[in-house]
């Protein structure tokens, strides 16, 4: 339960939240796109924290997605890197609506 609370507060407190792993090329690609878009985002590297696997398991329960990156914009689940890259055209508006730029 504590992990779910932690995950939810990360999503709630950040306009853009990226649950990531430091070595993952898809995570790097997603974070690069967000950076290039001027987004202020919070990235948590699940491979560098003690409860990373518990967080990833909680995210799978919450979203049905067990892979990283797991991205939220404006408290809404976007998906992973492929989904984010597919939203390039609407990304500026999504980020603006979320207060992330």
Foldseek 3Di string as FASTA:
>chain_A
DVLLVVLQCLLVVWQKEWEAAPPDPQQVLLVVLCVVLVFDYHYDHLVPDDCSQVNLVSVCVVPVDNDPGFMHHLSHTQGHSVSSVVCSVCVNVSRVVSVGD
